[in-house]
N, C-alpha and C. Protein backbone atom coordinates (compact mmCIF):
# COMPACT_ATOMS: atom_id res chain seq x y z
N UNK A 1 -5.27 0.45 -51.64
CA UNK A 1 -5.36 1.13 -52.91
C UNK A 1 -4.79 2.54 -52.83
N UNK A 2 -4.90 3.16 -51.67
CA UNK A 2 -4.39 4.52 -51.52
C UNK A 2 -2.88 4.59 -51.69
N UNK A 3 -2.18 3.47 -51.44
CA UNK A 3 -0.73 3.45 -51.59
C UNK A 3 -0.29 3.60 -53.04
N UNK A 4 -1.18 3.31 -53.98
CA UNK A 4 -0.83 3.38 -55.39
C UNK A 4 -1.09 4.76 -55.99
N UNK A 5 -1.76 5.60 -55.26
CA UNK A 5 -2.01 6.97 -55.74
C UNK A 5 -0.88 7.85 -55.20
N UNK A 6 -0.09 8.42 -56.10
CA UNK A 6 1.07 9.19 -55.62
C UNK A 6 0.64 10.48 -54.93
N UNK A 7 1.30 10.76 -53.83
CA UNK A 7 1.09 12.03 -53.14
C UNK A 7 1.97 13.09 -53.80
N UNK A 8 1.82 14.31 -53.39
CA UNK A 8 2.65 15.38 -53.92
C UNK A 8 4.12 15.11 -53.57
N UNK A 9 4.34 14.55 -52.39
CA UNK A 9 5.70 14.21 -51.97
C UNK A 9 6.30 13.13 -52.88
N UNK A 10 5.48 12.14 -53.26
CA UNK A 10 5.94 11.10 -54.19
C UNK A 10 6.31 11.71 -55.54
N UNK A 11 5.51 12.66 -55.99
CA UNK A 11 5.79 13.30 -57.28
C UNK A 11 7.07 14.13 -57.22
N UNK A 12 7.30 14.79 -56.10
CA UNK A 12 8.54 15.56 -55.93
C UNK A 12 9.74 14.63 -55.96
N UNK A 13 9.65 13.50 -55.26
CA UNK A 13 10.76 12.55 -55.26
C UNK A 13 10.97 11.95 -56.65
N UNK A 14 9.89 11.72 -57.38
CA UNK A 14 10.02 11.23 -58.76
C UNK A 14 10.75 12.27 -59.62
N UNK A 15 10.42 13.53 -59.40
CA UNK A 15 11.11 14.61 -60.10
C UNK A 15 12.59 14.67 -59.75
N UNK A 16 12.91 14.38 -58.50
CA UNK A 16 14.31 14.36 -58.09
C UNK A 16 15.07 13.25 -58.83
N UNK A 17 14.46 12.10 -58.96
CA UNK A 17 15.12 11.01 -59.69
C UNK A 17 15.27 11.38 -61.16
N UNK A 18 14.26 12.01 -61.74
CA UNK A 18 14.38 12.45 -63.13
C UNK A 18 15.50 13.48 -63.30
N UNK A 19 15.60 14.42 -62.36
CA UNK A 19 16.67 15.41 -62.43
C UNK A 19 18.04 14.75 -62.34
N UNK A 20 18.17 13.79 -61.44
CA UNK A 20 19.47 13.12 -61.33
C UNK A 20 19.79 12.32 -62.58
N UNK A 21 18.78 11.72 -63.21
CA UNK A 21 19.00 11.04 -64.50
C UNK A 21 19.53 12.02 -65.54
N UNK A 22 18.93 13.19 -65.59
CA UNK A 22 19.35 14.21 -66.55
C UNK A 22 20.78 14.67 -66.29
N UNK A 23 21.09 14.99 -65.04
CA UNK A 23 22.43 15.48 -64.71
C UNK A 23 23.49 14.40 -64.92
N UNK A 24 23.18 13.18 -64.51
CA UNK A 24 24.10 12.08 -64.77
C UNK A 24 24.29 11.85 -66.26
N UNK A 25 23.21 12.07 -67.01
CA UNK A 25 23.27 11.91 -68.46
C UNK A 25 24.16 12.93 -69.14
N UNK A 26 24.23 14.12 -68.59
CA UNK A 26 25.11 15.15 -69.17
C UNK A 26 26.56 14.68 -69.12
N UNK A 27 26.99 14.21 -67.96
CA UNK A 27 28.36 13.73 -67.83
C UNK A 27 28.54 12.42 -68.59
N UNK A 28 27.54 11.56 -68.53
CA UNK A 28 27.60 10.29 -69.27
C UNK A 28 27.69 10.49 -70.77
N UNK A 29 27.03 11.52 -71.27
CA UNK A 29 27.09 11.81 -72.71
C UNK A 29 28.51 12.17 -73.12
N UNK A 30 29.18 12.95 -72.29
CA UNK A 30 30.57 13.31 -72.59
C UNK A 30 31.45 12.07 -72.63
N UNK A 31 31.25 11.15 -71.69
CA UNK A 31 32.02 9.90 -71.65
C UNK A 31 31.68 9.02 -72.86
N UNK A 32 30.41 8.97 -73.20
CA UNK A 32 29.96 8.17 -74.35
C UNK A 32 30.54 8.72 -75.64
N UNK A 33 30.58 10.04 -75.77
CA UNK A 33 31.11 10.66 -76.98
C UNK A 33 32.59 10.35 -77.17
N UNK A 34 33.28 10.06 -76.09
CA UNK A 34 34.71 9.71 -76.17
C UNK A 34 34.93 8.20 -76.16
N UNK A 35 33.84 7.45 -76.35
CA UNK A 35 33.90 5.98 -76.42
C UNK A 35 34.52 5.33 -75.19
N UNK A 36 34.14 5.80 -74.03
CA UNK A 36 34.65 5.23 -72.78
C UNK A 36 33.73 4.09 -72.33
N UNK A 37 34.26 3.13 -71.56
CA UNK A 37 33.46 1.96 -71.19
C UNK A 37 32.24 2.29 -70.34
N UNK A 38 32.34 3.29 -69.50
CA UNK A 38 31.19 3.72 -68.71
C UNK A 38 30.65 4.99 -69.36
N UNK A 39 29.51 4.87 -70.00
CA UNK A 39 28.99 6.00 -70.76
C UNK A 39 27.67 6.53 -70.24
N UNK A 40 26.81 6.86 -71.16
CA UNK A 40 25.55 7.53 -70.86
C UNK A 40 24.69 6.74 -69.87
N UNK A 41 24.37 5.51 -70.21
CA UNK A 41 23.47 4.72 -69.35
C UNK A 41 24.06 4.47 -67.97
N UNK A 42 25.34 4.15 -67.92
CA UNK A 42 25.97 3.88 -66.62
C UNK A 42 25.89 5.10 -65.72
N UNK A 43 26.25 6.26 -66.24
CA UNK A 43 26.23 7.47 -65.43
C UNK A 43 24.80 7.85 -65.02
N UNK A 44 23.85 7.65 -65.90
CA UNK A 44 22.46 7.93 -65.55
C UNK A 44 21.97 7.00 -64.44
N UNK A 45 22.32 5.72 -64.54
CA UNK A 45 21.88 4.76 -63.54
C UNK A 45 22.54 5.01 -62.18
N UNK A 46 23.80 5.37 -62.19
CA UNK A 46 24.48 5.67 -60.93
C UNK A 46 23.83 6.88 -60.27
N UNK A 47 23.55 7.92 -61.04
CA UNK A 47 22.92 9.12 -60.48
C UNK A 47 21.53 8.80 -59.93
N UNK A 48 20.72 8.10 -60.70
CA UNK A 48 19.36 7.78 -60.24
C UNK A 48 19.40 6.85 -59.03
N UNK A 49 20.29 5.88 -59.05
CA UNK A 49 20.40 4.95 -57.93
C UNK A 49 20.81 5.63 -56.64
N UNK A 50 21.77 6.53 -56.73
CA UNK A 50 22.20 7.22 -55.51
C UNK A 50 21.12 8.16 -55.00
N UNK A 51 20.36 8.76 -55.90
CA UNK A 51 19.24 9.59 -55.46
C UNK A 51 18.20 8.72 -54.76
N UNK A 52 17.88 7.57 -55.35
CA UNK A 52 16.89 6.67 -54.74
C UNK A 52 17.35 6.18 -53.37
N UNK A 53 18.62 5.78 -53.25
CA UNK A 53 19.14 5.35 -51.95
C UNK A 53 19.10 6.49 -50.94
N UNK A 54 19.44 7.68 -51.38
CA UNK A 54 19.43 8.83 -50.48
C UNK A 54 18.02 9.13 -50.01
N UNK A 55 17.07 9.13 -50.94
CA UNK A 55 15.67 9.37 -50.56
C UNK A 55 15.16 8.29 -49.62
N UNK A 56 15.51 7.04 -49.91
CA UNK A 56 15.07 5.94 -49.04
C UNK A 56 15.66 6.08 -47.64
N UNK A 57 16.91 6.54 -47.56
CA UNK A 57 17.53 6.68 -46.24
C UNK A 57 16.91 7.82 -45.45
N UNK A 58 16.42 8.83 -46.14
CA UNK A 58 15.82 9.97 -45.45
C UNK A 58 14.36 9.70 -45.09
N UNK A 59 13.60 9.16 -46.05
CA UNK A 59 12.15 9.04 -45.87
C UNK A 59 11.64 7.61 -45.72
N UNK A 60 12.42 6.64 -46.09
CA UNK A 60 11.91 5.28 -46.18
C UNK A 60 11.68 4.55 -44.88
N UNK A 61 12.22 5.06 -43.80
CA UNK A 61 12.10 4.34 -42.53
C UNK A 61 11.24 5.10 -41.52
N UNK A 62 10.43 6.02 -41.99
CA UNK A 62 9.62 6.83 -41.08
C UNK A 62 8.61 6.00 -40.31
N UNK A 63 8.14 4.89 -40.89
CA UNK A 63 7.14 4.06 -40.21
C UNK A 63 7.72 3.30 -39.02
N UNK A 64 9.04 3.16 -38.96
CA UNK A 64 9.67 2.44 -37.86
C UNK A 64 10.61 3.35 -37.07
N UNK A 65 10.36 4.63 -37.13
CA UNK A 65 11.30 5.59 -36.54
C UNK A 65 11.44 5.42 -35.03
N UNK A 66 10.42 4.93 -34.36
CA UNK A 66 10.53 4.73 -32.92
C UNK A 66 11.36 3.52 -32.55
N UNK A 67 11.54 2.60 -33.49
CA UNK A 67 12.23 1.35 -33.20
C UNK A 67 13.70 1.38 -33.57
N UNK A 68 14.08 2.26 -34.48
CA UNK A 68 15.47 2.32 -34.91
C UNK A 68 15.95 3.76 -34.92
N UNK A 69 17.24 3.91 -34.89
CA UNK A 69 17.84 5.23 -35.02
C UNK A 69 18.14 5.46 -36.49
N UNK A 70 17.56 6.51 -37.05
CA UNK A 70 17.79 6.83 -38.47
C UNK A 70 19.04 7.68 -38.59
N UNK A 71 19.88 7.30 -39.52
CA UNK A 71 21.10 8.05 -39.77
C UNK A 71 21.39 8.03 -41.27
N UNK A 72 20.86 9.01 -42.02
CA UNK A 72 21.08 9.03 -43.46
C UNK A 72 22.55 9.08 -43.86
N UNK A 73 23.41 9.57 -42.98
CA UNK A 73 24.84 9.64 -43.30
C UNK A 73 25.44 8.24 -43.46
N UNK A 74 24.88 7.26 -42.79
CA UNK A 74 25.39 5.89 -42.92
C UNK A 74 25.16 5.38 -44.34
N UNK A 75 24.00 5.66 -44.89
CA UNK A 75 23.72 5.24 -46.27
C UNK A 75 24.65 5.99 -47.22
N UNK A 76 24.85 7.27 -46.98
CA UNK A 76 25.75 8.05 -47.83
C UNK A 76 27.15 7.46 -47.82
N UNK A 77 27.63 7.06 -46.66
CA UNK A 77 28.96 6.46 -46.57
C UNK A 77 29.03 5.15 -47.35
N UNK A 78 27.98 4.37 -47.30
CA UNK A 78 27.97 3.11 -48.04
C UNK A 78 27.88 3.34 -49.54
N UNK A 79 27.18 4.38 -49.95
CA UNK A 79 27.11 4.72 -51.37
C UNK A 79 28.52 5.05 -51.88
N UNK A 80 29.22 5.89 -51.15
CA UNK A 80 30.57 6.28 -51.55
C UNK A 80 31.47 5.05 -51.66
N UNK A 81 31.38 4.17 -50.69
CA UNK A 81 32.19 2.95 -50.70
C UNK A 81 31.83 2.04 -51.87
N UNK A 82 30.55 1.82 -52.08
CA UNK A 82 30.11 0.94 -53.16
C UNK A 82 30.44 1.49 -54.54
N UNK A 83 30.27 2.76 -54.72
CA UNK A 83 30.58 3.38 -56.01
C UNK A 83 32.08 3.34 -56.26
N UNK A 84 32.87 3.40 -55.20
CA UNK A 84 34.31 3.27 -55.35
C UNK A 84 34.69 1.94 -55.99
N UNK A 85 34.01 0.87 -55.60
CA UNK A 85 34.27 -0.43 -56.22
C UNK A 85 33.84 -0.45 -57.67
N UNK A 86 32.71 0.16 -57.98
CA UNK A 86 32.25 0.23 -59.36
C UNK A 86 33.25 1.00 -60.22
N UNK A 87 33.69 2.13 -59.73
CA UNK A 87 34.67 2.94 -60.46
C UNK A 87 36.00 2.22 -60.64
N UNK A 88 36.39 1.45 -59.64
CA UNK A 88 37.66 0.73 -59.73
C UNK A 88 37.67 -0.25 -60.90
N UNK A 89 36.50 -0.71 -61.29
CA UNK A 89 36.42 -1.63 -62.42
C UNK A 89 36.73 -0.99 -63.75
N UNK A 90 36.82 0.32 -63.79
CA UNK A 90 37.14 1.01 -65.05
C UNK A 90 38.62 1.37 -65.15
N UNK A 91 39.39 1.08 -64.11
CA UNK A 91 40.81 1.43 -64.09
C UNK A 91 41.63 0.21 -64.52
N UNK A 92 42.50 0.42 -65.49
CA UNK A 92 43.34 -0.65 -66.02
C UNK A 92 44.80 -0.22 -66.01
N UNK A 93 45.66 -1.18 -65.69
CA UNK A 93 47.10 -0.91 -65.72
C UNK A 93 47.73 -1.84 -66.75
N UNK A 94 48.54 -1.26 -67.59
CA UNK A 94 49.27 -2.03 -68.60
C UNK A 94 50.72 -1.55 -68.56
N UNK A 95 51.59 -2.37 -68.01
CA UNK A 95 52.98 -1.95 -67.86
C UNK A 95 53.07 -0.78 -66.90
N UNK A 96 53.61 0.32 -67.37
CA UNK A 96 53.71 1.50 -66.51
C UNK A 96 52.61 2.52 -66.82
N UNK A 97 51.63 2.12 -67.61
CA UNK A 97 50.54 3.02 -67.98
C UNK A 97 49.27 2.67 -67.21
N UNK A 98 48.60 3.68 -66.72
CA UNK A 98 47.33 3.51 -66.00
C UNK A 98 46.26 4.26 -66.77
N UNK A 99 45.17 3.56 -67.10
CA UNK A 99 44.08 4.18 -67.86
C UNK A 99 42.76 4.03 -67.11
N UNK A 100 41.85 4.95 -67.33
CA UNK A 100 40.51 4.86 -66.79
C UNK A 100 40.27 5.66 -65.53
N UNK A 101 41.25 6.41 -65.08
CA UNK A 101 41.07 7.17 -63.85
C UNK A 101 40.00 8.25 -63.99
N UNK A 102 39.95 8.90 -65.13
CA UNK A 102 38.95 9.95 -65.31
C UNK A 102 37.55 9.36 -65.32
N UNK A 103 37.36 8.25 -66.01
CA UNK A 103 36.05 7.61 -66.02
C UNK A 103 35.66 7.16 -64.62
N UNK A 104 36.60 6.59 -63.88
CA UNK A 104 36.32 6.17 -62.50
C UNK A 104 35.90 7.37 -61.65
N UNK A 105 36.59 8.48 -61.84
CA UNK A 105 36.25 9.67 -61.05
C UNK A 105 34.90 10.25 -61.44
N UNK A 106 34.52 10.13 -62.72
CA UNK A 106 33.20 10.65 -63.11
C UNK A 106 32.08 9.79 -62.53
N UNK A 107 32.30 8.49 -62.42
CA UNK A 107 31.29 7.63 -61.78
C UNK A 107 31.12 8.05 -60.32
N UNK A 108 32.21 8.28 -59.65
CA UNK A 108 32.18 8.71 -58.26
C UNK A 108 31.52 10.09 -58.14
N UNK A 109 31.86 10.98 -59.05
CA UNK A 109 31.28 12.32 -59.06
C UNK A 109 29.77 12.29 -59.30
N UNK A 110 29.33 11.47 -60.24
CA UNK A 110 27.91 11.37 -60.55
C UNK A 110 27.14 10.84 -59.34
N UNK A 111 27.76 9.96 -58.56
CA UNK A 111 27.12 9.49 -57.33
C UNK A 111 26.91 10.66 -56.37
N UNK A 112 27.88 11.54 -56.28
CA UNK A 112 27.71 12.70 -55.39
C UNK A 112 26.62 13.63 -55.91
N UNK A 113 26.52 13.76 -57.22
CA UNK A 113 25.45 14.58 -57.80
C UNK A 113 24.09 13.98 -57.47
N UNK A 114 23.98 12.66 -57.59
CA UNK A 114 22.73 12.00 -57.22
C UNK A 114 22.37 12.20 -55.76
N UNK A 115 23.37 12.16 -54.90
CA UNK A 115 23.12 12.40 -53.47
C UNK A 115 22.69 13.84 -53.23
N UNK A 116 23.33 14.78 -53.92
CA UNK A 116 22.95 16.19 -53.77
C UNK A 116 21.49 16.40 -54.17
N UNK A 117 21.09 15.79 -55.26
CA UNK A 117 19.69 15.90 -55.69
C UNK A 117 18.78 15.25 -54.65
N UNK A 118 19.19 14.10 -54.12
CA UNK A 118 18.38 13.39 -53.14
C UNK A 118 18.12 14.18 -51.87
N UNK A 119 19.08 15.00 -51.46
CA UNK A 119 18.88 15.80 -50.24
C UNK A 119 18.33 17.19 -50.56
N UNK A 120 18.05 17.46 -51.83
CA UNK A 120 17.43 18.72 -52.21
C UNK A 120 18.39 19.86 -52.48
N UNK A 121 19.65 19.57 -52.66
CA UNK A 121 20.64 20.62 -52.96
C UNK A 121 20.79 20.75 -54.47
N UNK A 122 19.72 21.22 -55.11
CA UNK A 122 19.64 21.23 -56.57
C UNK A 122 20.67 22.15 -57.21
N UNK A 123 20.82 23.35 -56.66
CA UNK A 123 21.77 24.31 -57.24
C UNK A 123 23.17 23.72 -57.24
N UNK A 124 23.58 23.13 -56.13
CA UNK A 124 24.92 22.56 -56.04
C UNK A 124 25.08 21.37 -56.99
N UNK A 125 24.03 20.58 -57.16
CA UNK A 125 24.08 19.45 -58.11
C UNK A 125 24.25 19.95 -59.54
N UNK A 126 23.50 20.98 -59.90
CA UNK A 126 23.60 21.54 -61.25
C UNK A 126 24.96 22.19 -61.46
N UNK A 127 25.42 22.96 -60.48
CA UNK A 127 26.73 23.60 -60.57
C UNK A 127 27.84 22.56 -60.73
N UNK A 128 27.78 21.50 -59.93
CA UNK A 128 28.79 20.44 -60.02
C UNK A 128 28.78 19.79 -61.39
N UNK A 129 27.60 19.57 -61.94
CA UNK A 129 27.49 18.99 -63.28
C UNK A 129 28.11 19.90 -64.33
N UNK A 130 27.77 21.17 -64.27
CA UNK A 130 28.27 22.13 -65.27
C UNK A 130 29.78 22.27 -65.18
N UNK A 131 30.30 22.50 -63.99
CA UNK A 131 31.74 22.73 -63.86
C UNK A 131 32.52 21.46 -64.21
N UNK A 132 31.98 20.30 -63.88
CA UNK A 132 32.66 19.04 -64.23
C UNK A 132 32.66 18.81 -65.73
N UNK A 133 31.57 19.15 -66.38
CA UNK A 133 31.50 19.00 -67.83
C UNK A 133 32.49 19.95 -68.51
N UNK A 134 32.63 21.14 -67.97
CA UNK A 134 33.62 22.09 -68.52
C UNK A 134 35.02 21.51 -68.37
N UNK A 135 35.34 20.98 -67.21
CA UNK A 135 36.68 20.40 -66.99
C UNK A 135 36.90 19.22 -67.94
N UNK A 136 35.92 18.34 -68.05
CA UNK A 136 36.07 17.17 -68.93
C UNK A 136 36.22 17.57 -70.39
N UNK A 137 35.51 18.59 -70.80
CA UNK A 137 35.48 18.97 -72.21
C UNK A 137 36.63 19.87 -72.64
N UNK A 138 37.12 20.70 -71.74
CA UNK A 138 38.07 21.73 -72.15
C UNK A 138 39.42 21.69 -71.45
N UNK A 139 39.68 20.67 -70.64
CA UNK A 139 40.99 20.56 -69.98
C UNK A 139 42.04 20.32 -71.05
N UNK A 140 43.02 21.17 -71.13
CA UNK A 140 43.99 21.05 -72.23
C UNK A 140 44.88 19.81 -72.10
N UNK A 141 45.01 19.10 -73.19
CA UNK A 141 45.86 17.90 -73.25
C UNK A 141 47.33 18.20 -73.00
N UNK A 142 47.86 19.37 -73.35
CA UNK A 142 49.29 19.63 -73.08
C UNK A 142 49.67 19.50 -71.60
N UNK A 143 48.72 19.74 -70.70
CA UNK A 143 49.02 19.58 -69.27
C UNK A 143 49.39 18.13 -68.99
N UNK A 144 48.65 17.20 -69.59
CA UNK A 144 48.94 15.78 -69.40
C UNK A 144 50.30 15.42 -69.97
N UNK A 145 50.62 15.98 -71.13
CA UNK A 145 51.91 15.69 -71.75
C UNK A 145 53.05 16.20 -70.88
N UNK A 146 52.90 17.39 -70.32
CA UNK A 146 53.92 17.95 -69.45
C UNK A 146 54.08 17.09 -68.20
N UNK A 147 52.96 16.69 -67.59
CA UNK A 147 53.04 15.83 -66.41
C UNK A 147 53.76 14.53 -66.72
N UNK A 148 53.47 13.96 -67.86
CA UNK A 148 54.08 12.69 -68.24
C UNK A 148 55.59 12.84 -68.41
N UNK A 149 56.04 13.95 -68.96
CA UNK A 149 57.47 14.17 -69.15
C UNK A 149 58.20 14.40 -67.83
N UNK A 150 57.50 14.97 -66.86
CA UNK A 150 58.12 15.26 -65.57
C UNK A 150 58.24 14.02 -64.69
N UNK A 151 57.50 12.98 -64.99
CA UNK A 151 57.50 11.76 -64.18
C UNK A 151 58.46 10.73 -64.76
N UNK A 152 59.70 10.87 -64.44
CA UNK A 152 60.71 9.93 -64.93
C UNK A 152 60.81 8.78 -63.94
N UNK A 153 60.70 7.56 -64.44
CA UNK A 153 60.83 6.39 -63.59
C UNK A 153 59.58 6.02 -62.81
N UNK A 154 58.53 6.81 -62.89
CA UNK A 154 57.28 6.51 -62.22
C UNK A 154 56.29 5.96 -63.23
N UNK A 155 55.31 5.17 -62.76
CA UNK A 155 54.27 4.74 -63.69
C UNK A 155 53.57 5.96 -64.27
N UNK A 156 53.31 5.93 -65.56
CA UNK A 156 52.64 7.07 -66.18
C UNK A 156 51.14 6.89 -66.08
N UNK A 157 50.47 7.97 -65.83
CA UNK A 157 49.01 7.97 -65.78
C UNK A 157 48.53 8.54 -67.09
N UNK A 158 47.92 7.69 -67.89
CA UNK A 158 47.45 8.10 -69.20
C UNK A 158 46.00 8.51 -69.06
N UNK A 159 45.66 9.74 -69.39
CA UNK A 159 44.27 10.15 -69.28
C UNK A 159 43.42 9.37 -70.26
N UNK A 160 42.26 8.92 -69.81
CA UNK A 160 41.40 8.16 -70.70
C UNK A 160 40.56 9.07 -71.58
N UNK A 161 40.84 10.36 -71.54
CA UNK A 161 40.08 11.32 -72.33
C UNK A 161 40.70 11.59 -73.69
N UNK A 162 41.96 11.28 -73.86
CA UNK A 162 42.63 11.66 -75.08
C UNK A 162 43.48 10.49 -75.56
N UNK A 163 42.96 9.74 -76.51
CA UNK A 163 43.64 8.56 -76.99
C UNK A 163 44.92 8.88 -77.75
N UNK A 164 45.16 10.14 -78.05
CA UNK A 164 46.34 10.53 -78.81
C UNK A 164 47.57 10.66 -77.93
N UNK A 165 47.42 10.65 -76.63
CA UNK A 165 48.57 10.84 -75.74
C UNK A 165 49.36 9.58 -75.61
């Protein structure tokens, strides 16, 4: 019965998952507002999931610590690899146009934010969320147009943020 009563440590970890949901939601909201396939819920789930995996890798194996070697970095490496596959599902190529790279990168970024929260690097997680949201919201579209004009004969990368390009 004592296992069902949360300790202060359990409450702190629950708060970490809530924080990662919030931070992932900030970036997910921006994606949702632009009608992208991976939006609010996806980004929130990726952030919370990576925080949970990170916490489990740090604290979840303490009862068997004498029997195995704990290496939280191994779980982090697998998170990065797995999220890469998830993000790849948002990238589409049509002729010489490639779409979805920004959404794929935000999924990958949100995973890193979840990991930062999981290891207790709250300031860096919040900073990453804020600066990424600024880039997503205010990156000028003319830069993309200039890049596209300079790439003669190469596949064009169409930003998934601006359907007018």
